[in-house]
């Protein structure tokens, strides 16, 4: 929690607790490993596939998800923990999620 405050993501301990409460509910219990790989080269059958794209590409993927599910896609944004939170939520809930790449994506993956 202190990390979130020290990094400037939240202003108080209470705000950090609120942000982490949602994220910690997605604990990846039972997950033995995470494989990150281009889909065309992945040697295992993935439980979650993360797709990056421009707005037109994402619109088409959203339309496909809506067509399959018969309901709107829920989007939850915080400006941080974007991709990792959405990947965990997709894994836990078995559903589609849309994310705006967070700080980790920008810093480490140069998105």
PDB file of N, CA and C in Angstrom:
ATOM      1  N   UNK A   1       0.814  -1.196   0.000  1.00  0.00           N
ATOM      2  CA  UNK A   1       0.000   0.000   0.000  1.00  0.00           C
ATOM      3  C   UNK A   1       0.853   1.254   0.000  1.00  0.00           C
ATOM      4  N   UNK A   2       1.894   1.223   0.779  1.00  0.00           N
ATOM      5  CA  UNK A   2       2.752   2.409   0.867  1.00  0.00           C
ATOM      6  C   UNK A   2       3.378   2.722  -0.483  1.00  0.00           C
ATOM      7  N   UNK A   3       3.648   1.676  -1.272  1.00  0.00           N
ATOM      8  CA  UNK A   3       4.212   1.897  -2.608  1.00  0.00           C
ATOM      9  C   UNK A   3       3.289   2.770  -3.452  1.00  0.00           C
ATOM     10  N   UNK A   4       1.998   2.500  -3.423  1.00  0.00           N
ATOM     11  CA  UNK A   4       1.048   3.277  -4.229  1.00  0.00           C
ATOM     12  C   UNK A   4       1.058   4.748  -3.830  1.00  0.00           C
ATOM     13  N   UNK A   5       1.167   5.002  -2.538  1.00  0.00           N
ATOM     14  CA  UNK A   5       1.204   6.389  -2.067  1.00  0.00           C
ATOM     15  C   UNK A   5       2.543   7.035  -2.415  1.00  0.00           C
ATOM     16  N   UNK A   6       3.636   6.319  -2.180  1.00  0.00           N
ATOM     17  CA  UNK A   6       4.970   6.864  -2.466  1.00  0.00           C
ATOM     18  C   UNK A   6       5.163   7.140  -3.953  1.00  0.00           C
ATOM     19  N   UNK A   7       4.556   6.318  -4.789  1.00  0.00           N
ATOM     20  CA  UNK A   7       4.677   6.501  -6.237  1.00  0.00           C
ATOM     21  C   UNK A   7       3.764   7.611  -6.751  1.00  0.00           C
ATOM     22  N   UNK A   8       2.888   8.121  -5.890  1.00  0.00           N
ATOM     23  CA  UNK A   8       1.992   9.198  -6.300  1.00  0.00           C
ATOM     24  C   UNK A   8       0.720   8.724  -6.978  1.00  0.00           C
ATOM     25  N   UNK A   9       0.418   7.437  -6.885  1.00  0.00           N
ATOM     26  CA  UNK A   9      -0.798   6.911  -7.510  1.00  0.00           C
ATOM     27  C   UNK A   9      -2.046   7.275  -6.708  1.00  0.00           C
ATOM     28  N   UNK A  10      -1.900   7.376  -5.404  1.00  0.00           N
ATOM     29  CA  UNK A  10      -3.011   7.735  -4.515  1.00  0.00           C
ATOM     30  C   UNK A  10      -2.510   8.738  -3.487  1.00  0.00           C
ATOM     31  N   UNK A  11      -3.442   9.465  -2.864  1.00  0.00           N
ATOM     32  CA  UNK A  11      -3.068  10.497  -1.890  1.00  0.00           C
ATOM     33  C   UNK A  11      -3.086  10.023  -0.451  1.00  0.00           C
ATOM     34  N   UNK A  12      -3.760   8.920  -0.183  1.00  0.00           N
ATOM     35  CA  UNK A  12      -3.886   8.497   1.213  1.00  0.00           C
ATOM     36  C   UNK A  12      -3.885   6.977   1.321  1.00  0.00           C
ATOM     37  N   UNK A  13      -3.722   6.523   2.548  1.00  0.00           N
ATOM     38  CA  UNK A  13      -3.772   5.086   2.825  1.00  0.00           C
ATOM     39  C   UNK A  13      -5.157   4.532   2.492  1.00  0.00           C
ATOM     40  N   UNK A  14      -6.190   5.293   2.784  1.00  0.00           N
ATOM     41  CA  UNK A  14      -7.564   4.861   2.496  1.00  0.00           C
ATOM     42  C   UNK A  14      -7.772   4.677   0.992  1.00  0.00           C
ATOM     43  N   UNK A  15      -7.228   5.605   0.209  1.00  0.00           N
ATOM     44  CA  UNK A  15      -7.346   5.493  -1.250  1.00  0.00           C
ATOM     45  C   UNK A  15      -6.591   4.261  -1.745  1.00  0.00           C
ATOM     46  N   UNK A  16      -5.418   3.998  -1.179  1.00  0.00           N
ATOM     47  CA  UNK A  16      -4.638   2.811  -1.559  1.00  0.00           C
ATOM     48  C   UNK A  16      -5.410   1.542  -1.228  1.00  0.00           C
ATOM     49  N   UNK A  17      -6.025   1.520  -0.050  1.00  0.00           N
ATOM     50  CA  UNK A  17      -6.812   0.343   0.351  1.00  0.00           C
ATOM     51  C   UNK A  17      -7.962   0.106  -0.617  1.00  0.00           C
ATOM     52  N   UNK A  18      -8.642   1.170  -1.025  1.00  0.00           N
ATOM     53  CA  UNK A  18      -9.746   1.033  -1.968  1.00  0.00           C
ATOM     54  C   UNK A  18      -9.299   0.489  -3.309  1.00  0.00           C
ATOM     55  N   UNK A  19      -8.173   0.986  -3.791  1.00  0.00           N
ATOM     56  CA  UNK A  19      -7.652   0.530  -5.079  1.00  0.00           C
ATOM     57  C   UNK A  19      -7.200  -0.922  -5.005  1.00  0.00           C
ATOM     58  N   UNK A  20      -6.513  -1.270  -3.944  1.00  0.00           N
ATOM     59  CA  UNK A  20      -5.996  -2.631  -3.814  1.00  0.00           C
ATOM     60  C   UNK A  20      -7.081  -3.657  -3.514  1.00  0.00           C
ATOM     61  N   UNK A  21      -8.146  -3.243  -2.874  1.00  0.00           N
ATOM     62  CA  UNK A  21      -9.224  -4.177  -2.543  1.00  0.00           C
ATOM     63  C   UNK A  21      -9.747  -4.882  -3.792  1.00  0.00           C
ATOM     64  N   UNK A  22      -9.987  -4.105  -4.823  1.00  0.00           N
ATOM     65  CA  UNK A  22     -10.481  -4.672  -6.082  1.00  0.00           C
ATOM     66  C   UNK A  22      -9.426  -5.564  -6.726  1.00  0.00           C
ATOM     67  N   UNK A  23      -8.188  -5.100  -6.733  1.00  0.00           N
ATOM     68  CA  UNK A  23      -7.122  -5.847  -7.389  1.00  0.00           C
ATOM     69  C   UNK A  23      -6.808  -7.149  -6.648  1.00  0.00           C
ATOM     70  N   UNK A  24      -6.768  -7.107  -5.327  1.00  0.00           N
ATOM     71  CA  UNK A  24      -6.430  -8.304  -4.551  1.00  0.00           C
ATOM     72  C   UNK A  24      -7.511  -9.373  -4.619  1.00  0.00           C
ATOM     73  N   UNK A  25      -8.729  -8.982  -4.938  1.00  0.00           N
ATOM     74  CA  UNK A  25      -9.806  -9.961  -5.108  1.00  0.00           C
ATOM     75  C   UNK A  25      -9.529 -10.872  -6.294  1.00  0.00           C
ATOM     76  N   UNK A  26      -8.608 -10.472  -7.151  1.00  0.00           N
ATOM     77  CA  UNK A  26      -8.282 -11.253  -8.354  1.00  0.00           C
ATOM     78  C   UNK A  26      -7.050 -12.137  -8.165  1.00  0.00           C
ATOM     79  N   UNK A  27      -6.679 -12.434  -6.960  1.00  0.00           N
ATOM     80  CA  UNK A  27      -5.477 -13.237  -6.715  1.00  0.00           C
ATOM     81  C   UNK A  27      -5.446 -14.464  -7.620  1.00  0.00           C
ATOM     82  N   UNK A  28      -4.319 -14.654  -8.261  1.00  0.00           N
ATOM     83  CA  UNK A  28      -4.221 -15.784  -9.207  1.00  0.00           C
ATOM     84  C   UNK A  28      -3.932 -17.110  -8.520  1.00  0.00           C
ATOM     85  N   UNK A  29      -4.755 -17.503  -7.566  1.00  0.00           N
ATOM     86  CA  UNK A  29      -4.558 -18.764  -6.856  1.00  0.00           C
ATOM     87  C   UNK A  29      -4.660 -19.928  -7.833  1.00  0.00           C
ATOM     88  N   UNK A  30      -3.776 -20.872  -7.671  1.00  0.00           N
ATOM     89  CA  UNK A  30      -3.778 -22.034  -8.542  1.00  0.00           C
ATOM     90  C   UNK A  30      -2.975 -21.846  -9.817  1.00  0.00           C
ATOM     91  N   UNK A  31      -2.472 -20.649 -10.055  1.00  0.00           N
ATOM     92  CA  UNK A  31      -1.666 -20.393 -11.247  1.00  0.00           C
ATOM     93  C   UNK A  31      -0.233 -20.835 -10.950  1.00  0.00           C
ATOM     94  N   UNK A  32       0.274 -21.744 -11.741  1.00  0.00           N
ATOM     95  CA  UNK A  32       1.620 -22.249 -11.536  1.00  0.00           C
ATOM     96  C   UNK A  32       2.671 -21.438 -12.269  1.00  0.00           C
ATOM     97  N   UNK A  33       2.303 -20.897 -13.424  1.00  0.00           N
ATOM     98  CA  UNK A  33       3.270 -20.124 -14.209  1.00  0.00           C
ATOM     99  C   UNK A  33       2.535 -19.224 -15.187  1.00  0.00           C
ATOM    100  N   UNK A  34       3.245 -18.239 -15.658  1.00  0.00           N
ATOM    101  CA  UNK A  34       2.729 -17.325 -16.671  1.00  0.00           C
ATOM    102  C   UNK A  34       3.691 -17.377 -17.846  1.00  0.00           C
ATOM    103  N   UNK A  35       3.153 -17.595 -19.032  1.00  0.00           N
ATOM    104  CA  UNK A  35       3.953 -17.628 -20.252  1.00  0.00           C
ATOM    105  C   UNK A  35       3.577 -16.404 -21.069  1.00  0.00           C
ATOM    106  N   UNK A  36       4.563 -15.619 -21.413  1.00  0.00           N
ATOM    107  CA  UNK A  36       4.348 -14.457 -22.272  1.00  0.00           C
ATOM    108  C   UNK A  36       5.043 -14.758 -23.583  1.00  0.00           C
ATOM    109  N   UNK A  37       4.264 -14.744 -24.662  1.00  0.00           N
ATOM    110  CA  UNK A  37       4.807 -15.178 -25.937  1.00  0.00           C
ATOM    111  C   UNK A  37       3.954 -14.640 -27.076  1.00  0.00           C
ATOM    112  N   UNK A  38       4.562 -14.388 -28.236  1.00  0.00           N
ATOM    113  CA  UNK A  38       3.728 -14.067 -29.403  1.00  0.00           C
ATOM    114  C   UNK A  38       2.802 -15.250 -29.672  1.00  0.00           C
ATOM    115  N   UNK A  39       1.552 -14.992 -29.949  1.00  0.00           N
ATOM    116  CA  UNK A  39       0.564 -16.059 -30.100  1.00  0.00           C
ATOM    117  C   UNK A  39       0.952 -17.070 -31.174  1.00  0.00           C
ATOM    118  N   UNK A  40       1.574 -16.588 -32.245  1.00  0.00           N
ATOM    119  CA  UNK A  40       1.950 -17.500 -33.328  1.00  0.00           C
ATOM    120  C   UNK A  40       3.094 -18.432 -32.936  1.00  0.00           C
ATOM    121  N   UNK A  41       3.780 -18.144 -31.841  1.00  0.00           N
ATOM    122  CA  UNK A  41       4.907 -18.978 -31.410  1.00  0.00           C
ATOM    123  C   UNK A  41       4.663 -19.667 -30.073  1.00  0.00           C
ATOM    124  N   UNK A  42       3.502 -19.504 -29.509  1.00  0.00           N
ATOM    125  CA  UNK A  42       3.205 -20.074 -28.203  1.00  0.00           C
ATOM    126  C   UNK A  42       3.085 -21.585 -28.297  1.00  0.00           C
ATOM    127  N   UNK A  43       3.771 -22.279 -27.419  1.00  0.00           N
ATOM    128  CA  UNK A  43       3.802 -23.739 -27.449  1.00  0.00           C
ATOM    129  C   UNK A  43       2.764 -24.365 -26.520  1.00  0.00           C
ATOM    130  N   UNK A  44       2.035 -23.532 -25.752  1.00  0.00           N
ATOM    131  CA  UNK A  44       0.995 -24.032 -24.858  1.00  0.00           C
ATOM    132  C   UNK A  44      -0.338 -23.411 -25.251  1.00  0.00           C
ATOM    133  N   UNK A  45      -1.413 -24.061 -24.847  1.00  0.00           N
ATOM    134  CA  UNK A  45      -2.737 -23.483 -25.113  1.00  0.00           C
ATOM    135  C   UNK A  45      -3.000 -22.421 -24.043  1.00  0.00           C
ATOM    136  N   UNK A  46      -3.161 -21.161 -24.430  1.00  0.00           N
ATOM    137  CA  UNK A  46      -3.299 -20.100 -23.434  1.00  0.00           C
ATOM    138  C   UNK A  46      -4.692 -20.044 -22.798  1.00  0.00           C
ATOM    139  N   UNK A  47      -4.722 -19.642 -21.537  1.00  0.00           N
ATOM    140  CA  UNK A  47      -5.985 -19.391 -20.842  1.00  0.00           C
ATOM    141  C   UNK A  47      -6.468 -17.977 -21.134  1.00  0.00           C
ATOM    142  N   UNK A  48      -5.532 -17.065 -21.360  1.00  0.00           N
ATOM    143  CA  UNK A  48      -5.837 -15.666 -21.632  1.00  0.00           C
ATOM    144  C   UNK A  48      -4.961 -15.205 -22.785  1.00  0.00           C
ATOM    145  N   UNK A  49      -5.557 -14.469 -23.699  1.00  0.00           N
ATOM    146  CA  UNK A  49      -4.811 -13.857 -24.800  1.00  0.00           C
ATOM    147  C   UNK A  49      -4.990 -12.353 -24.686  1.00  0.00           C
ATOM    148  N   UNK A  50      -3.878 -11.621 -24.693  1.00  0.00           N
ATOM    149  CA  UNK A  50      -3.926 -10.171 -24.631  1.00  0.00           C
ATOM    150  C   UNK A  50      -3.603  -9.620 -26.016  1.00  0.00           C
ATOM    151  N   UNK A  51      -4.461  -8.738 -26.501  1.00  0.00           N
ATOM    152  CA  UNK A  51      -4.305  -8.174 -27.832  1.00  0.00           C
ATOM    153  C   UNK A  51      -4.162  -6.664 -27.707  1.00  0.00           C
ATOM    154  N   UNK A  52      -3.124  -6.117 -28.308  1.00  0.00           N
ATOM    155  CA  UNK A  52      -2.952  -4.669 -28.378  1.00  0.00           C
ATOM    156  C   UNK A  52      -3.413  -4.218 -29.759  1.00  0.00           C
ATOM    157  N   UNK A  53      -4.019  -3.058 -29.848  1.00  0.00           N
ATOM    158  CA  UNK A  53      -4.447  -2.573 -31.150  1.00  0.00           C
ATOM    159  C   UNK A  53      -4.827  -1.111 -31.123  1.00  0.00           C
ATOM    160  N   UNK A  54      -5.076  -0.594 -32.315  1.00  0.00           N
ATOM    161  CA  UNK A  54      -5.525   0.796 -32.411  1.00  0.00           C
ATOM    162  C   UNK A  54      -7.037   0.845 -32.172  1.00  0.00           C
ATOM    163  N   UNK A  55      -7.604   2.025 -32.191  1.00  0.00           N
ATOM    164  CA  UNK A  55      -9.023   2.162 -31.849  1.00  0.00           C
ATOM    165  C   UNK A  55      -9.936   1.410 -32.822  1.00  0.00           C
ATOM    166  N   UNK A  56      -9.624   1.395 -34.094  1.00  0.00           N
ATOM    167  CA  UNK A  56     -10.458   0.675 -35.065  1.00  0.00           C
ATOM    168  C   UNK A  56     -10.397  -0.834 -34.823  1.00  0.00           C
ATOM    169  N   UNK A  57      -9.218  -1.353 -34.538  1.00  0.00           N
ATOM    170  CA  UNK A  57      -9.066  -2.781 -34.269  1.00  0.00           C
ATOM    171  C   UNK A  57      -9.792  -3.180 -32.983  1.00  0.00           C
ATOM    172  N   UNK A  58      -9.662  -2.353 -31.965  1.00  0.00           N
ATOM    173  CA  UNK A  58     -10.327  -2.646 -30.695  1.00  0.00           C
ATOM    174  C   UNK A  58     -11.845  -2.583 -30.848  1.00  0.00           C
ATOM    175  N   UNK A  59     -12.339  -1.642 -31.653  1.00  0.00           N
ATOM    176  CA  UNK A  59     -13.774  -1.547 -31.902  1.00  0.00           C
ATOM    177  C   UNK A  59     -14.292  -2.858 -32.490  1.00  0.00           C
ATOM    178  N   UNK A  60     -13.576  -3.412 -33.451  1.00  0.00           N
ATOM    179  CA  UNK A  60     -14.006  -4.662 -34.087  1.00  0.00           C
ATOM    180  C   UNK A  60     -13.969  -5.832 -33.096  1.00  0.00           C
ATOM    181  N   UNK A  61     -12.943  -5.879 -32.253  1.00  0.00           N
ATOM    182  CA  UNK A  61     -12.878  -6.938 -31.244  1.00  0.00           C
ATOM    183  C   UNK A  61     -14.014  -6.803 -30.232  1.00  0.00           C
ATOM    184  N   UNK A  62     -14.317  -5.571 -29.831  1.00  0.00           N
ATOM    185  CA  UNK A  62     -15.430  -5.334 -28.911  1.00  0.00           C
ATOM    186  C   UNK A  62     -16.740  -5.764 -29.552  1.00  0.00           C
ATOM    187  N   UNK A  63     -16.936  -5.406 -30.821  1.00  0.00           N
ATOM    188  CA  UNK A  63     -18.159  -5.810 -31.515  1.00  0.00           C
ATOM    189  C   UNK A  63     -18.281  -7.328 -31.572  1.00  0.00           C
ATOM    190  N   UNK A  64     -17.171  -8.009 -31.788  1.00  0.00           N
ATOM    191  CA  UNK A  64     -17.187  -9.475 -31.803  1.00  0.00           C
ATOM    192  C   UNK A  64     -17.546 -10.044 -30.442  1.00  0.00           C
ATOM    193  N   UNK A  65     -16.999  -9.470 -29.383  1.00  0.00           N
ATOM    194  CA  UNK A  65     -17.309  -9.924 -28.023  1.00  0.00           C
ATOM    195  C   UNK A  65     -18.784  -9.697 -27.706  1.00  0.00           C
ATOM    196  N   UNK A  66     -19.298  -8.530 -28.084  1.00  0.00           N
ATOM    197  CA  UNK A  66     -20.712  -8.222 -27.844  1.00  0.00           C
ATOM    198  C   UNK A  66     -21.594  -9.178 -28.639  1.00  0.00           C
ATOM    199  N   UNK A  67     -21.217  -9.467 -29.861  1.00  0.00           N
ATOM    200  CA  UNK A  67     -21.980 -10.395 -30.701  1.00  0.00           C
ATOM    201  C   UNK A  67     -22.027 -11.776 -30.055  1.00  0.00           C
ATOM    202  N   UNK A  68     -20.911 -12.225 -29.522  1.00  0.00           N
ATOM    203  CA  UNK A  68     -20.846 -13.548 -28.907  1.00  0.00           C
ATOM    204  C   UNK A  68     -21.576 -13.596 -27.567  1.00  0.00           C
ATOM    205  N   UNK A  69     -21.402 -12.571 -26.750  1.00  0.00           N
ATOM    206  CA  UNK A  69     -21.962 -12.568 -25.390  1.00  0.00           C
ATOM    207  C   UNK A  69     -23.402 -12.069 -25.323  1.00  0.00           C
ATOM    208  N   UNK A  70     -23.782 -11.230 -26.283  1.00  0.00           N
ATOM    209  CA  UNK A  70     -25.118 -10.660 -26.249  1.00  0.00           C
ATOM    210  C   UNK A  70     -25.301  -9.596 -25.193  1.00  0.00           C
ATOM    211  N   UNK A  71     -24.204  -8.981 -24.770  1.00  0.00           N
ATOM    212  CA  UNK A  71     -24.272  -7.885 -23.797  1.00  0.00           C
ATOM    213  C   UNK A  71     -23.045  -6.989 -23.956  1.00  0.00           C
ATOM    214  N   UNK A  72     -23.171  -5.800 -23.398  1.00  0.00           N
ATOM    215  CA  UNK A  72     -22.071  -4.839 -23.475  1.00  0.00           C
ATOM    216  C   UNK A  72     -20.842  -5.339 -22.720  1.00  0.00           C
ATOM    217  N   UNK A  73     -19.684  -4.848 -23.135  1.00  0.00           N
ATOM    218  CA  UNK A  73     -18.454  -5.174 -22.442  1.00  0.00           C
ATOM    219  C   UNK A  73     -18.259  -4.171 -21.310  1.00  0.00           C
ATOM    220  N   UNK A  74     -17.922  -4.688 -20.156  1.00  0.00           N
ATOM    221  CA  UNK A  74     -17.668  -3.835 -18.996  1.00  0.00           C
ATOM    222  C   UNK A  74     -16.217  -3.362 -19.025  1.00  0.00           C
ATOM    223  N   UNK A  75     -16.010  -2.084 -18.800  1.00  0.00           N
ATOM    224  CA  UNK A  75     -14.660  -1.516 -18.794  1.00  0.00           C
ATOM    225  C   UNK A  75     -14.417  -0.883 -17.438  1.00  0.00           C
ATOM    226  N   UNK A  76     -13.293  -1.229 -16.819  1.00  0.00           N
ATOM    227  CA  UNK A  76     -12.917  -0.683 -15.517  1.00  0.00           C
ATOM    228  C   UNK A  76     -11.543  -0.068 -15.669  1.00  0.00           C
ATOM    229  N   UNK A  77     -11.440   1.217 -15.417  1.00  0.00           N
ATOM    230  CA  UNK A  77     -10.188   1.935 -15.635  1.00  0.00           C
ATOM    231  C   UNK A  77      -9.677   2.583 -14.358  1.00  0.00           C
ATOM    232  N   UNK A  78      -8.354   2.586 -14.201  1.00  0.00           N
ATOM    233  CA  UNK A  78      -7.728   3.264 -13.075  1.00  0.00           C
ATOM    234  C   UNK A  78      -6.483   4.018 -13.518  1.00  0.00           C
ATOM    235  N   UNK A  79      -6.027   3.783 -14.747  1.00  0.00           N
ATOM    236  CA  UNK A  79      -4.813   4.443 -15.215  1.00  0.00           C
ATOM    237  C   UNK A  79      -3.543   3.741 -14.773  1.00  0.00           C
ATOM    238  N   UNK A  80      -3.678   2.696 -13.999  1.00  0.00           N
ATOM    239  CA  UNK A  80      -2.553   1.864 -13.597  1.00  0.00           C
ATOM    240  C   UNK A  80      -3.092   0.457 -13.399  1.00  0.00           C
ATOM    241  N   UNK A  81      -2.210  -0.510 -13.398  1.00  0.00           N
ATOM    242  CA  UNK A  81      -2.596  -1.922 -13.315  1.00  0.00           C
ATOM    243  C   UNK A  81      -3.605  -2.270 -14.404  1.00  0.00           C
ATOM    244  N   UNK A  82      -3.478  -1.627 -15.550  1.00  0.00           N
ATOM    245  CA  UNK A  82      -4.447  -1.808 -16.629  1.00  0.00           C
ATOM    246  C   UNK A  82      -4.427  -3.183 -17.247  1.00  0.00           C
ATOM    247  N   UNK A  83      -3.344  -3.525 -17.883  1.00  0.00           N
ATOM    248  CA  UNK A  83      -3.274  -4.811 -18.575  1.00  0.00           C
ATOM    249  C   UNK A  83      -3.226  -5.978 -17.612  1.00  0.00           C
ATOM    250  N   UNK A  84      -2.433  -5.858 -16.544  1.00  0.00           N
ATOM    251  CA  UNK A  84      -2.335  -6.981 -15.605  1.00  0.00           C
ATOM    252  C   UNK A  84      -3.674  -7.213 -14.904  1.00  0.00           C
ATOM    253  N   UNK A  85      -4.345  -6.143 -14.525  1.00  0.00           N
ATOM    254  CA  UNK A  85      -5.662  -6.289 -13.888  1.00  0.00           C
ATOM    255  C   UNK A  85      -6.676  -6.908 -14.828  1.00  0.00           C
ATOM    256  N   UNK A  86      -6.674  -6.477 -16.077  1.00  0.00           N
ATOM    257  CA  UNK A  86      -7.617  -7.030 -17.056  1.00  0.00           C
ATOM    258  C   UNK A  86      -7.301  -8.484 -17.377  1.00  0.00           C
ATOM    259  N   UNK A  87      -6.021  -8.823 -17.454  1.00  0.00           N
ATOM    260  CA  UNK A  87      -5.649 -10.215 -17.720  1.00  0.00           C
ATOM    261  C   UNK A  87      -6.098 -11.110 -16.572  1.00  0.00           C
ATOM    262  N   UNK A  88      -5.885 -10.672 -15.333  1.00  0.00           N
ATOM    263  CA  UNK A  88      -6.335 -11.451 -14.182  1.00  0.00           C
ATOM    264  C   UNK A  88      -7.854 -11.571 -14.146  1.00  0.00           C
ATOM    265  N   UNK A  89      -8.539 -10.467 -14.433  1.00  0.00           N
ATOM    266  CA  UNK A  89     -10.005 -10.487 -14.435  1.00  0.00           C
ATOM    267  C   UNK A  89     -10.515 -11.449 -15.521  1.00  0.00           C
ATOM    268  N   UNK A  90      -9.905 -11.411 -16.698  1.00  0.00           N
ATOM    269  CA  UNK A  90     -10.312 -12.328 -17.777  1.00  0.00           C
ATOM    270  C   UNK A  90     -10.084 -13.780 -17.369  1.00  0.00           C
ATOM    271  N   UNK A  91      -8.956 -14.046 -16.735  1.00  0.00           N
ATOM    272  CA  UNK A  91      -8.641 -15.398 -16.283  1.00  0.00           C
ATOM    273  C   UNK A  91      -9.644 -15.863 -15.240  1.00  0.00           C
ATOM    274  N   UNK A  92      -9.896 -15.032 -14.241  1.00  0.00           N
ATOM    275  CA  UNK A  92     -10.798 -15.387 -13.146  1.00  0.00           C
ATOM    276  C   UNK A  92     -12.252 -15.515 -13.598  1.00  0.00           C
ATOM    277  N   UNK A  93     -12.705 -14.580 -14.443  1.00  0.00           N
ATOM    278  CA  UNK A  93     -14.109 -14.534 -14.818  1.00  0.00           C
ATOM    279  C   UNK A  93     -14.409 -15.244 -16.131  1.00  0.00           C
ATOM    280  N   UNK A  94     -13.378 -15.582 -16.888  1.00  0.00           N
ATOM    281  CA  UNK A  94     -13.593 -16.241 -18.169  1.00  0.00           C
ATOM    282  C   UNK A  94     -14.337 -15.354 -19.156  1.00  0.00           C
ATOM    283  N   UNK A  95     -14.056 -14.055 -19.121  1.00  0.00           N
ATOM    284  CA  UNK A  95     -14.770 -13.125 -19.996  1.00  0.00           C
ATOM    285  C   UNK A  95     -13.805 -12.112 -20.598  1.00  0.00           C
ATOM    286  N   UNK A  96     -14.323 -11.363 -21.551  1.00  0.00           N
ATOM    287  CA  UNK A  96     -13.523 -10.359 -22.240  1.00  0.00           C
ATOM    288  C   UNK A  96     -13.411  -9.090 -21.402  1.00  0.00           C
ATOM    289  N   UNK A  97     -12.270  -8.433 -21.505  1.00  0.00           N
ATOM    290  CA  UNK A  97     -12.074  -7.147 -20.828  1.00  0.00           C
ATOM    291  C   UNK A  97     -11.225  -6.251 -21.702  1.00  0.00           C
ATOM    292  N   UNK A  98     -11.456  -4.979 -21.575  1.00  0.00           N
ATOM    293  CA  UNK A  98     -10.711  -3.970 -22.323  1.00  0.00           C
ATOM    294  C   UNK A  98      -9.917  -3.141 -21.332  1.00  0.00           C
ATOM    295  N   UNK A  99      -8.683  -2.835 -21.659  1.00  0.00           N
ATOM    296  CA  UNK A  99      -7.844  -2.041 -20.763  1.00  0.00           C
ATOM    297  C   UNK A  99      -7.121  -0.960 -21.539  1.00  0.00           C
ATOM    298  N   UNK A 100      -6.839   0.121 -20.856  1.00  0.00           N
ATOM    299  CA  UNK A 100      -5.904   1.123 -21.352  1.00  0.00           C
ATOM    300  C   UNK A 100      -4.584   0.753 -20.690  1.00  0.00           C
ATOM    301  N   UNK A 101      -3.520   0.540 -21.465  1.00  0.00           N
ATOM    302  CA  UNK A 101      -2.260   0.131 -20.848  1.00  0.00           C
ATOM    303  C   UNK A 101      -1.858   1.059 -19.713  1.00  0.00           C
ATOM    304  N   UNK A 102      -1.416   0.458 -18.626  1.00  0.00           N
ATOM    305  CA  UNK A 102      -1.012   1.221 -17.450  1.00  0.00           C
ATOM    306  C   UNK A 102       0.457   1.579 -17.483  1.00  0.00           C
ATOM    307  N   UNK A 103       0.943   2.024 -16.349  1.00  0.00           N
ATOM    308  CA  UNK A 103       2.315   2.491 -16.225  1.00  0.00           C
ATOM    309  C   UNK A 103       3.326   1.400 -16.570  1.00  0.00           C
ATOM    310  N   UNK A 104       3.086   0.190 -16.087  1.00  0.00           N
ATOM    311  CA  UNK A 104       4.023  -0.901 -16.373  1.00  0.00           C
ATOM    312  C   UNK A 104       4.155  -1.156 -17.868  1.00  0.00           C
ATOM    313  N   UNK A 105       3.031  -1.157 -18.576  1.00  0.00           N
ATOM    314  CA  UNK A 105       3.061  -1.335 -20.030  1.00  0.00           C
ATOM    315  C   UNK A 105       3.857  -0.219 -20.695  1.00  0.00           C
ATOM    316  N   UNK A 106       3.641   0.977 -20.250  1.00  0.00           N
ATOM    317  CA  UNK A 106       4.327   2.115 -20.869  1.00  0.00           C
ATOM    318  C   UNK A 106       5.820   2.089 -20.590  1.00  0.00           C
ATOM    319  N   UNK A 107       6.198   1.791 -19.343  1.00  0.00           N
ATOM    320  CA  UNK A 107       7.605   1.818 -18.965  1.00  0.00           C
ATOM    321  C   UNK A 107       8.370   0.598 -19.474  1.00  0.00           C
ATOM    322  N   UNK A 108       7.809  -0.599 -19.264  1.00  0.00           N
ATOM    323  CA  UNK A 108       8.541  -1.816 -19.566  1.00  0.00           C
ATOM    324  C   UNK A 108       8.293  -2.382 -20.955  1.00  0.00           C
ATOM    325  N   UNK A 109       7.114  -2.140 -21.518  1.00  0.00           N
ATOM    326  CA  UNK A 109       6.800  -2.686 -22.849  1.00  0.00           C
ATOM    327  C   UNK A 109       6.752  -1.620 -23.925  1.00  0.00           C
ATOM    328  N   UNK A 110       6.949  -0.362 -23.537  1.00  0.00           N
ATOM    329  CA  UNK A 110       6.980   0.763 -24.488  1.00  0.00           C
ATOM    330  C   UNK A 110       5.706   0.852 -25.339  1.00  0.00           C
ATOM    331  N   UNK A 111       4.551   0.598 -24.706  1.00  0.00           N
ATOM    332  CA  UNK A 111       3.289   0.713 -25.451  1.00  0.00           C
ATOM    333  C   UNK A 111       2.925   2.164 -25.629  1.00  0.00           C
TER     334      UNK A 111
END
